[in-house]
Every structure is written in C-alpha cells, then in structure tokens.
Amino acid sequence: EEAGGLDEPGNVPEVARLSLAALVLALAKGAALSLTHTHGRQMTAQVTVLYFAKSAELSGIKSEVLSVPQQLTSLQLWQEIVNEHPRYTSSWEISFCSSSQATRLLSSPPSAGASSWLTYAVTMCELEDQPKDLIKVTYEKLSTDEVAESVKSPTCGAVSVFIGTTRNHFEGKKVVRLEYEAYIPMAEAEIKKICRGIRNRWPAIQHISIHHRLGLVNVTEASVIIAISGPHRNESLEAVKYCIDTLKATVPIWKKEIYDNEEYIWKENKECQWVKNN
C-alpha cells in the first residue's frame, strides 16, 4: 500500500508505517498475510504468510515466517515472497490484501493512490428481536433448519433461503465431491461487509444468517446456506440473490472440484472480480 507516503517514512508515525507495510497480499490461488510483531531497533518485521489451495500445493507448505525491512512497499514485500519461491510464484496472482482481519479484493498489485481499507463491524444486539447478522464458516455439516430458524421474527412475513449443494457433474465429467479452503478471519470479515451492503440496500431486512462449509462436501450436501427475513417477500428474495452473488464474487474461499478418476482442479467462480479483470 503506497498511499499516504509509505515510501517517505517521515510522513506517518512508525506504527502506521508498519501497518501499511503489512497490507499485503493473498494470492488468487491462495494466500493471506499478517504482521505478527516487529524488532524495533533492528528495523525489521516478522511477517507470517499463510498459503491456501494451489499456492500451498506448489510451495509444499501451509505457512512461513519472513524477516523483512520495516519500511517497504507492498510490491517490495511481494518480491520477498517471490525470492523465497522463484520456481512457483510466476504463476501466482495477487488477489487479496490483508492487515489483521481487514481485507479488500484486488485485481492487480496495490498502486499509489489506493483508498484506505476498513473493516466494518456488524452490530449484533443481544435483544431477541433486534436485527441480527449470524455468520459461520465451519468444517461441520450445515443444517438448513438451524439457519432458517435463526432468522424467524414475529415482525416478518417472509424468510427466504438459498442452499448451494454439490452437483455430480461438470462439462461431461463426473464430480464425486468438492473441497473448500479459506482463511476464516478473512472470509468472515468479507461476509460482514456483505451483510452491511444488504442493510444499506434493503433497510427493512430483519435477520441475516450465512453459513459456509469448509473441507470435503459430498454430492447433494450443502456448501452454503443463506437465510434472510423481512416484512415482505420481495426484499428478502432480492437480498438473498444479492448475498450469494456477492459472496461468490468477493469472499476468499477456494474450491477444489474432484472427479471420479481422482483428478481435480482448483476452480474460480465466474463471478470473481479477479477472473473478470484478467
């Protein structure tokens, strides 16, 4: 992130410089990065890189810690990772940046003038009938009844539900199961943004529940369940469609499609912004 004078250390306090320097990347084929701690006088930072999906397969590791200079741009930090894996990174693409749990989708490396990145917390009131946003990213099997029941409200006349399941074929190939991977804090942060978008567009919406499964998902089993309640059916139906379309386009969850001959492919949804831009 080169906005705000990261290349000119005098422009921002030291802590701010460190945070900006750690606004890095995750790879379209899968990585996430976060700043863990710094060595003040040595002027270096310890950065943990997490690998997912294809990047984990190519590099042969799930995570590693890199020691990098405190003052560097995100592109320089990307170069540090390239130097660690020169045989593989030529086929990787930057698609996500993260600082702690704040994320924003990218179609290209960060550039000067990029806007600030914020994570919007979704308020969850303990009062039973106040609007609720219920988010779960889990390795457990999903329950349609649980999700649908969680959004019922005496003030609402409609509960709209979407269930995404594993189908048994794709372009003439027999599919036996899917496998999903995600960096859960990053995925949950993006789903919270979707909830905020729904409430901005349809203020009458009461409760939102979004559950996404990770790991192996067999044919006919649910990988994602969305339920939204509102006073009338039009708002809840439109909000459910917006929710699943946006989830597929922006949430960093990677999918492996496995066929009956045990061959597989890591797939990207056609809605993904980085697919559209490439």
C-alpha atoms as a PDB file:
ATOM      1  CA  GLU A   1       0.000   0.000   0.000  1.00  0.00           C
ATOM      2  CA  GLU A   2       1.888   3.026  -1.232  1.00  0.00           C
ATOM      3  CA  ALA A   3      -0.825   5.575  -0.437  1.00  0.00           C
ATOM      4  CA  GLY A   4      -0.159   8.061   2.338  1.00  0.00           C
ATOM      5  CA  GLY A   5       3.577   8.290   1.740  1.00  0.00           C
ATOM      6  CA  LEU A   6       4.726   4.817   2.756  1.00  0.00           C
ATOM      7  CA  ASP A   7       7.892   5.335   0.727  1.00  0.00           C
ATOM      8  CA  GLU A   8       8.554   8.545   2.697  1.00  0.00           C
ATOM      9  CA  PRO A   9       8.821   7.426   6.341  1.00  0.00           C
ATOM     10  CA  GLY A  10       8.619  10.953   7.720  1.00  0.00           C
ATOM     11  CA  ASN A  11       5.014  11.293   6.564  1.00  0.00           C
ATOM     12  CA  VAL A  12       3.473   8.817   9.038  1.00  0.00           C
ATOM     13  CA  PRO A  13       4.222   7.543  12.556  1.00  0.00           C
ATOM     14  CA  GLU A  14       6.236   4.354  12.921  1.00  0.00           C
ATOM     15  CA  VAL A  15       3.253   2.190  13.932  1.00  0.00           C
ATOM     16  CA  ALA A  16       1.248   3.449  10.971  1.00  0.00           C
ATOM     17  CA  ARG A  17       4.138   2.692   8.632  1.00  0.00           C
ATOM     18  CA  LEU A  18       4.335  -0.856   9.926  1.00  0.00           C
ATOM     19  CA  SER A  19       0.597  -1.391   9.482  1.00  0.00           C
ATOM     20  CA  LEU A  20       0.669  -0.055   5.940  1.00  0.00           C
ATOM     21  CA  ALA A  21       3.689  -2.157   5.073  1.00  0.00           C
ATOM     22  CA  ALA A  22       1.766  -5.237   6.171  1.00  0.00           C
ATOM     23  CA  LEU A  23      -1.233  -4.521   3.951  1.00  0.00           C
ATOM     24  CA  VAL A  24      -0.220  -7.199   1.566  1.00  0.00           C
ATOM     25  CA  LEU A  25      -1.357  -9.973  -0.373  1.00  0.00           C
ATOM     26  CA  ALA A  26      -3.022 -13.080  -0.657  1.00  0.00           C
ATOM     27  CA  LEU A  27      -2.788 -14.915  -3.903  1.00  0.00           C
ATOM     28  CA  ALA A  28      -5.690 -15.650  -6.218  1.00  0.00           C
ATOM     29  CA  LYS A  29      -4.698 -19.281  -5.917  1.00  0.00           C
ATOM     30  CA  GLY A  30      -4.481 -18.659  -2.253  1.00  0.00           C
ATOM     31  CA  ALA A  31      -2.509 -16.779   0.348  1.00  0.00           C
ATOM     32  CA  ALA A  32      -3.035 -14.485   3.283  1.00  0.00           C
ATOM     33  CA  LEU A  33      -0.532 -12.401   5.164  1.00  0.00           C
ATOM     34  CA  SER A  34      -0.468 -10.704   8.545  1.00  0.00           C
ATOM     35  CA  LEU A  35       2.077  -8.767  10.594  1.00  0.00           C
ATOM     36  CA  THR A  36       2.896 -10.613  13.812  1.00  0.00           C
ATOM     37  CA  HIS A  37       5.498  -8.469  15.592  1.00  0.00           C
ATOM     38  CA  THR A  38       8.488  -6.227  14.986  1.00  0.00           C
ATOM     39  CA  HIS A  39      12.071  -5.799  16.115  1.00  0.00           C
ATOM     40  CA  GLY A  40      12.190  -2.057  16.747  1.00  0.00           C
ATOM     41  CA  ARG A  41      15.902  -1.293  16.849  1.00  0.00           C
ATOM     42  CA  GLN A  42      16.830  -3.836  14.194  1.00  0.00           C
ATOM     43  CA  MET A  43      14.367  -2.152  11.840  1.00  0.00           C
ATOM     44  CA  THR A  44      12.935  -5.473  10.665  1.00  0.00           C
ATOM     45  CA  ALA A  45       9.490  -7.047  10.894  1.00  0.00           C
ATOM     46  CA  GLN A  46       8.484 -10.684  11.271  1.00  0.00           C
ATOM     47  CA  VAL A  47       5.692 -11.415   8.800  1.00  0.00           C
ATOM     48  CA  THR A  48       3.653 -14.619   8.719  1.00  0.00           C
ATOM     49  CA  VAL A  49       2.482 -15.764   5.272  1.00  0.00           C
ATOM     50  CA  LEU A  50      -0.334 -18.323   5.078  1.00  0.00           C
ATOM     51  CA  TYR A  51      -0.754 -20.408   1.904  1.00  0.00           C
ATOM     52  CA  PHE A  52      -4.000 -21.907   0.627  1.00  0.00           C
ATOM     53  CA  ALA A  53      -5.232 -24.002  -2.290  1.00  0.00           C
ATOM     54  CA  LYS A  54      -2.865 -24.153  -5.278  1.00  0.00           C
ATOM     55  CA  SER A  55      -0.172 -21.980  -3.717  1.00  0.00           C
ATOM     56  CA  ALA A  56       0.059 -24.415  -0.779  1.00  0.00           C
ATOM     57  CA  GLU A  57       0.429 -27.345  -3.167  1.00  0.00           C
ATOM     58  CA  LEU A  58       3.121 -25.668  -5.251  1.00  0.00           C
ATOM     59  CA  SER A  59       5.162 -24.359  -2.336  1.00  0.00           C
ATOM     60  CA  GLY A  60       4.702 -27.507  -0.259  1.00  0.00           C
ATOM     61  CA  ILE A  61       3.996 -25.521   2.927  1.00  0.00           C
ATOM     62  CA  LYS A  62       0.995 -24.031   4.721  1.00  0.00           C
ATOM     63  CA  SER A  63       2.820 -21.106   6.353  1.00  0.00           C
ATOM     64  CA  GLU A  64       6.202 -19.481   6.850  1.00  0.00           C
ATOM     65  CA  VAL A  65       7.696 -16.503   8.668  1.00  0.00           C
ATOM     66  CA  LEU A  66       9.733 -13.950   6.701  1.00  0.00           C
ATOM     67  CA  SER A  67      12.024 -11.305   8.173  1.00  0.00           C
ATOM     68  CA  VAL A  68      11.663  -8.130   6.122  1.00  0.00           C
ATOM     69  CA  PRO A  69      12.626  -4.442   6.469  1.00  0.00           C
ATOM     70  CA  GLN A  70      10.147  -2.303   8.386  1.00  0.00           C
ATOM     71  CA  GLN A  71       9.946   0.285   5.659  1.00  0.00           C
ATOM     72  CA  LEU A  72       8.900  -1.253   2.359  1.00  0.00           C
ATOM     73  CA  THR A  73       6.052  -1.107  -0.108  1.00  0.00           C
ATOM     74  CA  SER A  74       3.626  -3.964  -0.626  1.00  0.00           C
ATOM     75  CA  LEU A  75       5.238  -4.659  -4.008  1.00  0.00           C
ATOM     76  CA  GLN A  76       8.615  -4.997  -2.294  1.00  0.00           C
ATOM     77  CA  LEU A  77       7.077  -7.380   0.195  1.00  0.00           C
ATOM     78  CA  TRP A  78       5.646  -9.372  -2.701  1.00  0.00           C
ATOM     79  CA  GLN A  79       9.181  -9.551  -4.119  1.00  0.00           C
ATOM     80  CA  GLU A  80      10.387 -11.017  -0.822  1.00  0.00           C
ATOM     81  CA  ILE A  81       7.901 -13.858  -1.260  1.00  0.00           C
ATOM     82  CA  VAL A  82       8.902 -14.315  -4.909  1.00  0.00           C
ATOM     83  CA  ASN A  83      12.535 -14.619  -3.813  1.00  0.00           C
ATOM     84  CA  GLU A  84      11.561 -17.415  -1.429  1.00  0.00           C
ATOM     85  CA  HIS A  85       9.709 -19.381  -4.133  1.00  0.00           C
ATOM     86  CA  PRO A  86      11.185 -18.430  -7.535  1.00  0.00           C
ATOM     87  CA  ARG A  87      10.098 -21.678  -9.203  1.00  0.00           C
ATOM     88  CA  TYR A  88       6.419 -21.239  -8.462  1.00  0.00           C
ATOM     89  CA  THR A  89       5.378 -17.626  -7.979  1.00  0.00           C
ATOM     90  CA  SER A  90       5.412 -16.718 -11.675  1.00  0.00           C
ATOM     91  CA  SER A  91       2.011 -18.408 -11.964  1.00  0.00           C
ATOM     92  CA  TRP A  92       0.528 -16.743  -8.873  1.00  0.00           C
ATOM     93  CA  GLU A  93      -1.632 -13.658  -8.939  1.00  0.00           C
ATOM     94  CA  ILE A  94      -2.259 -11.116  -6.199  1.00  0.00           C
ATOM     95  CA  SER A  95      -5.953 -11.008  -5.388  1.00  0.00           C
ATOM     96  CA  PHE A  96      -6.364 -10.147  -1.707  1.00  0.00           C
ATOM     97  CA  CYS A  97      -4.659  -7.792   0.695  1.00  0.00           C
ATOM     98  CA  SER A  98      -4.904  -8.090   4.440  1.00  0.00           C
ATOM     99  CA  SER A  99      -3.896  -6.250   7.566  1.00  0.00           C
ATOM    100  CA  SER A 100      -5.086  -8.230  10.549  1.00  0.00           C
ATOM    101  CA  GLN A 101      -8.667  -9.062   9.518  1.00  0.00           C
ATOM    102  CA  ALA A 102      -9.270  -6.093   7.204  1.00  0.00           C
ATOM    103  CA  THR A 103      -9.424  -7.202   3.581  1.00  0.00           C
ATOM    104  CA  ARG A 104     -10.143  -5.799   0.168  1.00  0.00           C
ATOM    105  CA  LEU A 105     -10.235  -7.577  -3.173  1.00  0.00           C
ATOM    106  CA  LEU A 106      -7.583  -6.613  -5.716  1.00  0.00           C
ATOM    107  CA  SER A 107      -7.236  -7.440  -9.405  1.00  0.00           C
ATOM    108  CA  SER A 108      -3.639  -6.183  -9.561  1.00  0.00           C
ATOM    109  CA  PRO A 109      -0.812  -5.259  -7.168  1.00  0.00           C
ATOM    110  CA  PRO A 110      -1.547  -2.270  -4.895  1.00  0.00           C
ATOM    111  CA  SER A 111      -0.883   1.093  -6.533  1.00  0.00           C
ATOM    112  CA  ALA A 112      -0.310   4.668  -5.396  1.00  0.00           C
ATOM    113  CA  GLY A 113      -3.493   6.500  -4.541  1.00  0.00           C
ATOM    114  CA  ALA A 114      -5.373   3.410  -3.387  1.00  0.00           C
ATOM    115  CA  SER A 115      -8.116   4.152  -0.887  1.00  0.00           C
ATOM    116  CA  SER A 116      -7.881   3.286   2.793  1.00  0.00           C
ATOM    117  CA  TRP A 117      -9.161  -0.148   3.747  1.00  0.00           C
ATOM    118  CA  LEU A 118     -11.609  -0.569   6.574  1.00  0.00           C
ATOM    119  CA  THR A 119     -13.414  -3.454   8.176  1.00  0.00           C
ATOM    120  CA  TYR A 120     -16.962  -2.658   9.146  1.00  0.00           C
ATOM    121  CA  ALA A 121     -18.080  -4.449  12.296  1.00  0.00           C
ATOM    122  CA  VAL A 122     -21.645  -5.667  12.201  1.00  0.00           C
ATOM    123  CA  THR A 123     -23.500  -4.922  15.395  1.00  0.00           C
ATOM    124  CA  MET A 124     -25.166  -7.953  16.940  1.00  0.00           C
ATOM    125  CA  CYS A 125     -27.674  -6.935  19.598  1.00  0.00           C
ATOM    126  CA  GLU A 126     -28.495  -9.389  22.353  1.00  0.00           C
ATOM    127  CA  LEU A 127     -32.146  -8.439  22.315  1.00  0.00           C
ATOM    128  CA  GLU A 128     -34.086 -11.236  20.639  1.00  0.00           C
ATOM    129  CA  ASP A 129     -35.945  -9.250  18.004  1.00  0.00           C
ATOM    130  CA  GLN A 130     -33.271  -6.691  17.147  1.00  0.00           C
ATOM    131  CA  PRO A 131     -31.665  -7.193  13.700  1.00  0.00           C
ATOM    132  CA  LYS A 132     -29.012  -9.919  13.789  1.00  0.00           C
ATOM    133  CA  ASP A 133     -26.218 -10.937  11.402  1.00  0.00           C
ATOM    134  CA  LEU A 134     -25.259 -14.568  12.021  1.00  0.00           C
ATOM    135  CA  ILE A 135     -22.097 -15.757  10.269  1.00  0.00           C
ATOM    136  CA  LYS A 136     -20.459 -19.165  10.446  1.00  0.00           C
ATOM    137  CA  VAL A 137     -17.561 -20.568   8.407  1.00  0.00           C
ATOM    138  CA  THR A 138     -17.117 -24.139   9.604  1.00  0.00           C
ATOM    139  CA  TYR A 139     -15.888 -27.652   8.839  1.00  0.00           C
ATOM    140  CA  GLU A 140     -19.110 -29.103  10.253  1.00  0.00           C
ATOM    141  CA  LYS A 141     -22.094 -30.178   8.145  1.00  0.00           C
ATOM    142  CA  LEU A 142     -24.632 -27.405   7.641  1.00  0.00           C
ATOM    143  CA  SER A 143     -28.222 -27.540   8.850  1.00  0.00           C
ATOM    144  CA  THR A 144     -30.948 -25.878   6.796  1.00  0.00           C
ATOM    145  CA  ASP A 145     -33.338 -25.988   9.761  1.00  0.00           C
ATOM    146  CA  GLU A 146     -30.816 -24.273  12.036  1.00  0.00           C
ATOM    147  CA  VAL A 147     -30.152 -21.463   9.556  1.00  0.00           C
ATOM    148  CA  ALA A 148     -33.825 -20.902   8.697  1.00  0.00           C
ATOM    149  CA  GLU A 149     -34.964 -20.957  12.332  1.00  0.00           C
ATOM    150  CA  SER A 150     -32.284 -18.450  13.334  1.00  0.00           C
ATOM    151  CA  VAL A 151     -33.828 -15.647  11.238  1.00  0.00           C
ATOM    152  CA  LYS A 152     -37.508 -16.060  12.128  1.00  0.00           C
ATOM    153  CA  SER A 153     -39.121 -12.982  13.638  1.00  0.00           C
ATOM    154  CA  PRO A 154     -42.666 -12.094  14.734  1.00  0.00           C
ATOM    155  CA  THR A 155     -42.348  -8.849  12.766  1.00  0.00           C
ATOM    156  CA  CYS A 156     -41.564 -10.610   9.469  1.00  0.00           C
ATOM    157  CA  GLY A 157     -43.822 -12.276   6.937  1.00  0.00           C
ATOM    158  CA  ALA A 158     -41.058 -13.802   4.816  1.00  0.00           C
ATOM    159  CA  VAL A 159     -37.997 -15.996   5.283  1.00  0.00           C
ATOM    160  CA  SER A 160     -36.071 -16.579   2.052  1.00  0.00           C
ATOM    161  CA  VAL A 161     -33.486 -19.370   1.917  1.00  0.00           C
ATOM    162  CA  PHE A 162     -30.759 -20.318  -0.565  1.00  0.00           C
ATOM    163  CA  ILE A 163     -28.952 -23.680  -0.364  1.00  0.00           C
ATOM    164  CA  GLY A 164     -25.882 -24.306  -2.524  1.00  0.00           C
ATOM    165  CA  THR A 165     -25.099 -28.019  -2.941  1.00  0.00           C
ATOM    166  CA  THR A 166     -22.508 -30.175  -4.711  1.00  0.00           C
ATOM    167  CA  ARG A 167     -23.759 -31.421  -8.075  1.00  0.00           C
ATOM    168  CA  ASN A 168     -22.498 -34.671  -9.625  1.00  0.00           C
ATOM    169  CA  HIS A 169     -21.262 -33.390 -12.978  1.00  0.00           C
ATOM    170  CA  PHE A 170     -19.475 -30.556 -14.744  1.00  0.00           C
ATOM    171  CA  GLU A 171     -18.952 -30.304 -18.528  1.00  0.00           C
ATOM    172  CA  GLY A 172     -19.262 -34.046 -19.033  1.00  0.00           C
ATOM    173  CA  LYS A 173     -17.078 -35.001 -16.060  1.00  0.00           C
ATOM    174  CA  LYS A 174     -18.420 -36.927 -13.073  1.00  0.00           C
ATOM    175  CA  VAL A 175     -17.918 -34.950  -9.866  1.00  0.00           C
ATOM    176  CA  VAL A 176     -17.658 -37.001  -6.649  1.00  0.00           C
ATOM    177  CA  ARG A 177     -17.017 -34.225  -4.126  1.00  0.00           C
ATOM    178  CA  LEU A 178     -15.829 -30.672  -3.599  1.00  0.00           C
ATOM    179  CA  GLU A 179     -13.241 -29.399  -1.154  1.00  0.00           C
ATOM    180  CA  TYR A 180     -13.200 -25.845   0.206  1.00  0.00           C
ATOM    181  CA  GLU A 181     -10.361 -23.901   1.846  1.00  0.00           C
ATOM    182  CA  ALA A 182     -10.362 -20.479   3.477  1.00  0.00           C
ATOM    183  CA  TYR A 183      -8.562 -18.230   5.919  1.00  0.00           C
ATOM    184  CA  ILE A 184     -11.550 -17.989   8.257  1.00  0.00           C
ATOM    185  CA  PRO A 185     -10.967 -14.497   9.767  1.00  0.00           C
ATOM    186  CA  MET A 186     -10.593 -13.005   6.286  1.00  0.00           C
ATOM    187  CA  ALA A 187     -13.659 -14.825   4.943  1.00  0.00           C
ATOM    188  CA  GLU A 188     -15.790 -13.743   7.909  1.00  0.00           C
ATOM    189  CA  ALA A 189     -14.683 -10.117   7.510  1.00  0.00           C
ATOM    190  CA  GLU A 190     -15.794 -10.101   3.865  1.00  0.00           C
ATOM    191  CA  ILE A 191     -19.143 -11.715   4.744  1.00  0.00           C
ATOM    192  CA  LYS A 192     -19.739  -8.973   7.315  1.00  0.00           C
ATOM    193  CA  LYS A 193     -19.311  -6.435   4.514  1.00  0.00           C
ATOM    194  CA  ILE A 194     -21.998  -8.278   2.530  1.00  0.00           C
ATOM    195  CA  CYS A 195     -24.387  -8.002   5.490  1.00  0.00           C
ATOM    196  CA  ARG A 196     -23.714  -4.282   5.644  1.00  0.00           C
ATOM    197  CA  GLY A 197     -24.401  -3.980   1.920  1.00  0.00           C
ATOM    198  CA  ILE A 198     -27.720  -5.799   2.313  1.00  0.00           C
ATOM    199  CA  ARG A 199     -28.839  -3.491   5.110  1.00  0.00           C
ATOM    200  CA  ASN A 200     -27.881  -0.409   3.096  1.00  0.00           C
ATOM    201  CA  ARG A 201     -29.927  -1.598   0.116  1.00  0.00           C
ATOM    202  CA  TRP A 202     -32.902  -3.081   1.982  1.00  0.00           C
ATOM    203  CA  PRO A 203     -33.274  -1.305   5.366  1.00  0.00           C
ATOM    204  CA  ALA A 204     -36.388  -3.315   6.246  1.00  0.00           C
ATOM    205  CA  ILE A 205     -34.436  -6.611   6.371  1.00  0.00           C
ATOM    206  CA  GLN A 206     -34.571  -8.062   9.878  1.00  0.00           C
ATOM    207  CA  HIS A 207     -32.166 -11.006  10.304  1.00  0.00           C
ATOM    208  CA  ILE A 208     -29.392 -12.391   8.074  1.00  0.00           C
ATOM    209  CA  SER A 209     -27.765 -15.819   8.503  1.00  0.00           C
ATOM    210  CA  ILE A 210     -24.888 -17.011   6.278  1.00  0.00           C
ATOM    211  CA  HIS A 211     -23.217 -20.379   6.870  1.00  0.00           C
ATOM    212  CA  HIS A 212     -20.414 -21.694   4.628  1.00  0.00           C
ATOM    213  CA  ARG A 213     -18.802 -25.098   4.925  1.00  0.00           C
ATOM    214  CA  LEU A 214     -15.096 -25.895   4.525  1.00  0.00           C
ATOM    215  CA  GLY A 215     -13.369 -29.205   3.866  1.00  0.00           C
ATOM    216  CA  LEU A 216     -14.907 -32.090   1.902  1.00  0.00           C
ATOM    217  CA  VAL A 217     -18.501 -31.682   0.701  1.00  0.00           C
ATOM    218  CA  ASN A 218     -20.034 -34.735  -0.974  1.00  0.00           C
ATOM    219  CA  VAL A 219     -22.612 -34.731  -3.775  1.00  0.00           C
ATOM    220  CA  THR A 220     -26.002 -33.307  -2.651  1.00  0.00           C
ATOM    221  CA  GLU A 221     -24.520 -31.923   0.585  1.00  0.00           C
ATOM    222  CA  ALA A 222     -24.752 -28.183   1.275  1.00  0.00           C
ATOM    223  CA  SER A 223     -21.684 -25.979   0.997  1.00  0.00           C
ATOM    224  CA  VAL A 224     -23.509 -22.704   1.689  1.00  0.00           C
ATOM    225  CA  ILE A 225     -26.863 -21.816   3.253  1.00  0.00           C
ATOM    226  CA  ILE A 226     -28.263 -18.276   3.375  1.00  0.00           C
ATOM    227  CA  ALA A 227     -31.469 -17.230   5.122  1.00  0.00           C
ATOM    228  CA  ILE A 228     -32.841 -13.690   5.288  1.00  0.00           C
ATOM    229  CA  SER A 229     -36.046 -12.466   6.909  1.00  0.00           C
ATOM    230  CA  GLY A 230     -38.051  -9.344   6.161  1.00  0.00           C
ATOM    231  CA  PRO A 231     -41.569  -7.930   6.379  1.00  0.00           C
ATOM    232  CA  HIS A 232     -42.276  -8.819   2.728  1.00  0.00           C
ATOM    233  CA  ARG A 233     -41.035 -11.465   0.285  1.00  0.00           C
ATOM    234  CA  ASN A 234     -39.674  -9.109  -2.380  1.00  0.00           C
ATOM    235  CA  GLU A 235     -36.996  -7.601  -0.148  1.00  0.00           C
ATOM    236  CA  SER A 236     -35.868 -10.929   1.306  1.00  0.00           C
ATOM    237  CA  LEU A 237     -35.757 -12.682  -2.090  1.00  0.00           C
ATOM    238  CA  GLU A 238     -33.766  -9.858  -3.671  1.00  0.00           C
ATOM    239  CA  ALA A 239     -31.409  -9.730  -0.679  1.00  0.00           C
ATOM    240  CA  VAL A 240     -30.713 -13.486  -0.860  1.00  0.00           C
ATOM    241  CA  LYS A 241     -29.790 -13.238  -4.548  1.00  0.00           C
ATOM    242  CA  TYR A 242     -27.531 -10.262  -3.874  1.00  0.00           C
ATOM    243  CA  CYS A 243     -25.939 -12.129  -0.974  1.00  0.00           C
ATOM    244  CA  ILE A 244     -24.949 -15.300  -2.873  1.00  0.00           C
ATOM    245  CA  ASP A 245     -23.805 -13.376  -5.959  1.00  0.00           C
ATOM    246  CA  THR A 246     -21.613 -11.064  -3.862  1.00  0.00           C
ATOM    247  CA  LEU A 247     -20.286 -13.912  -1.719  1.00  0.00           C
ATOM    248  CA  LYS A 248     -19.088 -15.769  -4.817  1.00  0.00           C
ATOM    249  CA  ALA A 249     -17.502 -12.599  -6.199  1.00  0.00           C
ATOM    250  CA  THR A 250     -15.686 -11.267  -3.123  1.00  0.00           C
ATOM    251  CA  VAL A 251     -15.211 -13.811  -0.328  1.00  0.00           C
ATOM    252  CA  PRO A 252     -11.813 -15.600  -0.346  1.00  0.00           C
ATOM    253  CA  ILE A 253     -12.952 -19.234  -0.288  1.00  0.00           C
ATOM    254  CA  TRP A 254     -11.186 -21.608  -2.689  1.00  0.00           C
ATOM    255  CA  LYS A 255     -12.876 -24.656  -4.230  1.00  0.00           C
ATOM    256  CA  LYS A 256     -11.333 -27.906  -5.452  1.00  0.00           C
ATOM    257  CA  GLU A 257     -13.527 -29.987  -7.780  1.00  0.00           C
ATOM    258  CA  ILE A 258     -12.675 -33.700  -7.575  1.00  0.00           C
ATOM    259  CA  TYR A 259     -13.702 -36.179 -10.312  1.00  0.00           C
ATOM    260  CA  ASP A 260     -14.372 -39.923 -10.298  1.00  0.00           C
ATOM    261  CA  ASN A 261     -10.885 -40.691 -11.696  1.00  0.00           C
ATOM    262  CA  GLU A 262      -9.381 -38.777  -8.704  1.00  0.00           C
ATOM    263  CA  GLU A 263      -8.234 -35.937 -10.949  1.00  0.00           C
ATOM    264  CA  TYR A 264      -9.134 -32.488  -9.684  1.00  0.00           C
ATOM    265  CA  ILE A 265      -8.955 -28.796 -10.479  1.00  0.00           C
ATOM    266  CA  TRP A 266      -8.959 -25.666  -8.326  1.00  0.00           C
ATOM    267  CA  LYS A 267     -11.864 -23.608  -9.623  1.00  0.00           C
ATOM    268  CA  GLU A 268     -12.772 -19.933  -9.547  1.00  0.00           C
ATOM    269  CA  ASN A 269     -16.356 -18.727  -9.670  1.00  0.00           C
ATOM    270  CA  LYS A 270     -17.202 -16.883 -12.867  1.00  0.00           C
ATOM    271  CA  GLU A 271     -18.412 -14.005 -10.678  1.00  0.00           C
ATOM    272  CA  CYS A 272     -14.964 -13.481  -9.118  1.00  0.00           C
ATOM    273  CA  GLN A 273     -13.722  -9.959  -9.713  1.00  0.00           C
ATOM    274  CA  TRP A 274     -10.147 -11.105 -10.382  1.00  0.00           C
ATOM    275  CA  VAL A 275     -11.432 -13.516 -13.067  1.00  0.00           C
ATOM    276  CA  LYS A 276     -13.398 -10.723 -14.747  1.00  0.00           C
ATOM    277  CA  ASN A 277     -10.390  -8.410 -14.745  1.00  0.00           C
ATOM    278  CA  ASN A 278      -7.871 -10.937 -16.192  1.00  0.00           C
END
